[in-house]
Amino acid sequence: MSLLPNPACPLLGTGLSTRLVDALRALAKGLSCAVAAVELLIDHTVWLRRNDFVDRFVDTADCLVGGTVLAWVKWRAVVRALDAGRLPCSGSEAQVLRIATRA
C-alpha cells in the first residue's frame, strides 16, 4: 500500500467525526494491536475530540489505490509528550493513551 502524506487533510482538527474514525479504522484493519488501540481511542472519545491532540498526533494520507483516506496516531510522540508534561490531561486520560500505546 502506498501512502501520500496529506497534512492539509480536512480530518485534522475536526474533533470526533465519522470521517476521522473511518480513516483510523481503515489503516488499522487486519492488525489486531492497531485495531485495539484505535477502538480504545474511539470508545473513550476524549482524545479524538481534542483538536490539540488530533492536530499534533494524528496524521493522514491518501491511499494511492482506491483513494481511501487513512489516518494513524503518532504513538511515540504521544508518549514523549505525556512523559514531558506537554499534553495536559487527567491521570485517567493519560492512562488511556498509555494503554493504547501498548496495544
C-alpha atoms as a PDB file:
ATOM      1  CA  MET A   1       0.000   0.000   0.000  1.00  0.00           C
ATOM      2  CA  SER A   2       1.439   3.363  -0.995  1.00  0.00           C
ATOM      3  CA  LEU A   3       0.654   6.437   1.020  1.00  0.00           C
ATOM      4  CA  LEU A   4       0.869  10.096   0.123  1.00  0.00           C
ATOM      5  CA  PRO A   5       1.191  12.390   3.166  1.00  0.00           C
ATOM      6  CA  ASN A   6      -1.705  14.791   3.368  1.00  0.00           C
ATOM      7  CA  PRO A   7      -1.083  17.311   6.178  1.00  0.00           C
ATOM      8  CA  ALA A   8      -3.904  19.551   4.973  1.00  0.00           C
ATOM      9  CA  CYS A   9      -6.472  16.766   5.223  1.00  0.00           C
ATOM     10  CA  PRO A  10      -9.816  18.100   6.461  1.00  0.00           C
ATOM     11  CA  LEU A  11      -9.997  15.274   9.019  1.00  0.00           C
ATOM     12  CA  LEU A  12      -7.474  17.030  11.217  1.00  0.00           C
ATOM     13  CA  GLY A  13      -8.759  19.420  13.815  1.00  0.00           C
ATOM     14  CA  THR A  14     -12.393  18.428  13.413  1.00  0.00           C
ATOM     15  CA  GLY A  15     -12.844  16.597  16.702  1.00  0.00           C
ATOM     16  CA  LEU A  16     -14.538  13.203  16.715  1.00  0.00           C
ATOM     17  CA  SER A  17     -16.021  12.775  13.288  1.00  0.00           C
ATOM     18  CA  THR A  18     -17.178   9.776  11.324  1.00  0.00           C
ATOM     19  CA  ARG A  19     -14.534  10.538   8.695  1.00  0.00           C
ATOM     20  CA  LEU A  20     -11.726  10.555  11.265  1.00  0.00           C
ATOM     21  CA  VAL A  21     -12.963   7.328  12.854  1.00  0.00           C
ATOM     22  CA  ASP A  22     -13.286   5.665   9.444  1.00  0.00           C
ATOM     23  CA  ALA A  23      -9.783   6.755   8.423  1.00  0.00           C
ATOM     24  CA  LEU A  24      -8.242   5.411  11.644  1.00  0.00           C
ATOM     25  CA  ARG A  25     -10.084   2.119  11.288  1.00  0.00           C
ATOM     26  CA  ALA A  26      -9.115   1.804   7.607  1.00  0.00           C
ATOM     27  CA  LEU A  27      -5.397   1.798   8.371  1.00  0.00           C
ATOM     28  CA  ALA A  28      -5.707  -0.408  11.468  1.00  0.00           C
ATOM     29  CA  LYS A  29      -7.874  -3.022   9.721  1.00  0.00           C
ATOM     30  CA  GLY A  30      -6.405  -6.505   9.963  1.00  0.00           C
ATOM     31  CA  LEU A  31      -3.791  -5.584  12.587  1.00  0.00           C
ATOM     32  CA  SER A  32      -5.159  -6.729  15.937  1.00  0.00           C
ATOM     33  CA  CYS A  33      -2.971  -4.459  18.069  1.00  0.00           C
ATOM     34  CA  ALA A  34      -3.681  -1.409  15.938  1.00  0.00           C
ATOM     35  CA  VAL A  35      -7.412  -2.171  15.946  1.00  0.00           C
ATOM     36  CA  ALA A  36      -7.373  -2.469  19.752  1.00  0.00           C
ATOM     37  CA  ALA A  37      -5.580   0.871  20.153  1.00  0.00           C
ATOM     38  CA  VAL A  38      -7.842   2.689  17.695  1.00  0.00           C
ATOM     39  CA  GLU A  39     -11.029   1.247  19.176  1.00  0.00           C
ATOM     40  CA  LEU A  40      -9.916   2.272  22.677  1.00  0.00           C
ATOM     41  CA  LEU A  41      -9.442   5.850  21.491  1.00  0.00           C
ATOM     42  CA  ILE A  42     -12.767   5.819  19.668  1.00  0.00           C
ATOM     43  CA  ASP A  43     -14.688   4.368  22.627  1.00  0.00           C
ATOM     44  CA  HIS A  44     -13.043   6.729  25.109  1.00  0.00           C
ATOM     45  CA  THR A  45     -13.963   9.705  22.859  1.00  0.00           C
ATOM     46  CA  VAL A  46     -11.990  12.337  24.805  1.00  0.00           C
ATOM     47  CA  TRP A  47      -8.768  12.321  22.797  1.00  0.00           C
ATOM     48  CA  LEU A  48     -10.287  12.285  19.342  1.00  0.00           C
ATOM     49  CA  ARG A  49     -12.466  15.280  20.265  1.00  0.00           C
ATOM     50  CA  ARG A  50      -9.456  17.340  21.354  1.00  0.00           C
ATOM     51  CA  ASN A  51      -8.187  19.434  18.469  1.00  0.00           C
ATOM     52  CA  ASP A  52      -4.795  19.864  20.159  1.00  0.00           C
ATOM     53  CA  PHE A  53      -4.358  16.068  20.195  1.00  0.00           C
ATOM     54  CA  VAL A  54      -5.650  15.432  16.680  1.00  0.00           C
ATOM     55  CA  ASP A  55      -3.652  18.296  15.165  1.00  0.00           C
ATOM     56  CA  ARG A  56      -0.375  17.240  16.829  1.00  0.00           C
ATOM     57  CA  PHE A  57      -0.593  13.459  16.918  1.00  0.00           C
ATOM     58  CA  VAL A  58      -2.833  12.232  14.083  1.00  0.00           C
ATOM     59  CA  ASP A  59      -1.519  12.129  10.521  1.00  0.00           C
ATOM     60  CA  THR A  60      -3.371  11.264   7.360  1.00  0.00           C
ATOM     61  CA  ALA A  61      -2.576  10.123   3.860  1.00  0.00           C
ATOM     62  CA  ASP A  62      -4.450   9.251   0.716  1.00  0.00           C
ATOM     63  CA  CYS A  63      -4.013   5.656  -0.350  1.00  0.00           C
ATOM     64  CA  LEU A  64      -2.810   5.507  -3.953  1.00  0.00           C
ATOM     65  CA  VAL A  65      -5.071   2.545  -4.641  1.00  0.00           C
ATOM     66  CA  GLY A  66      -8.760   3.143  -4.078  1.00  0.00           C
ATOM     67  CA  GLY A  67      -8.447   6.715  -2.812  1.00  0.00           C
ATOM     68  CA  THR A  68      -9.257   5.805   0.783  1.00  0.00           C
ATOM     69  CA  VAL A  69      -8.142   8.353   3.364  1.00  0.00           C
ATOM     70  CA  LEU A  70      -6.055   6.700   6.061  1.00  0.00           C
ATOM     71  CA  ALA A  71      -5.168   8.091   9.487  1.00  0.00           C
ATOM     72  CA  TRP A  72      -2.799   6.998  12.215  1.00  0.00           C
ATOM     73  CA  VAL A  73      -1.674   8.156  15.636  1.00  0.00           C
ATOM     74  CA  LYS A  74       1.975   9.045  16.182  1.00  0.00           C
ATOM     75  CA  TRP A  75       2.212   6.946  19.343  1.00  0.00           C
ATOM     76  CA  ARG A  76       5.897   7.624  20.115  1.00  0.00           C
ATOM     77  CA  ALA A  77       5.271  11.358  20.009  1.00  0.00           C
ATOM     78  CA  VAL A  78       2.247  10.891  22.285  1.00  0.00           C
ATOM     79  CA  VAL A  79       4.349   9.078  24.887  1.00  0.00           C
ATOM     80  CA  ARG A  80       7.127  11.691  24.700  1.00  0.00           C
ATOM     81  CA  ALA A  81       4.592  14.483  25.201  1.00  0.00           C
ATOM     82  CA  LEU A  82       2.988  12.695  28.160  1.00  0.00           C
ATOM     83  CA  ASP A  83       6.361  11.994  29.765  1.00  0.00           C
ATOM     84  CA  ALA A  84       7.443  15.624  29.328  1.00  0.00           C
ATOM     85  CA  GLY A  85       4.176  17.021  30.681  1.00  0.00           C
ATOM     86  CA  ARG A  86       3.361  18.672  27.338  1.00  0.00           C
ATOM     87  CA  LEU A  87      -0.031  17.024  26.998  1.00  0.00           C
ATOM     88  CA  PRO A  88      -2.316  18.319  29.750  1.00  0.00           C
ATOM     89  CA  CYS A  89      -4.825  15.733  30.897  1.00  0.00           C
ATOM     90  CA  SER A  90      -6.204  13.897  33.882  1.00  0.00           C
ATOM     91  CA  GLY A  91      -4.499  10.789  35.204  1.00  0.00           C
ATOM     92  CA  SER A  92      -7.159   8.534  33.739  1.00  0.00           C
ATOM     93  CA  GLU A  93      -6.915  10.205  30.334  1.00  0.00           C
ATOM     94  CA  ALA A  94      -3.150   9.663  30.351  1.00  0.00           C
ATOM     95  CA  GLN A  95      -3.657   6.016  31.271  1.00  0.00           C
ATOM     96  CA  VAL A  96      -5.990   5.500  28.303  1.00  0.00           C
ATOM     97  CA  LEU A  97      -3.233   6.734  25.999  1.00  0.00           C
ATOM     98  CA  ARG A  98      -0.572   4.638  27.709  1.00  0.00           C
ATOM     99  CA  ILE A  99      -2.735   1.524  27.425  1.00  0.00           C
ATOM    100  CA  ALA A 100      -3.383   2.248  23.743  1.00  0.00           C
ATOM    101  CA  THR A 101       0.345   2.641  23.071  1.00  0.00           C
ATOM    102  CA  ARG A 102       0.938  -0.837  24.467  1.00  0.00           C
ATOM    103  CA  ALA A 103      -1.770  -2.475  22.361  1.00  0.00           C
END
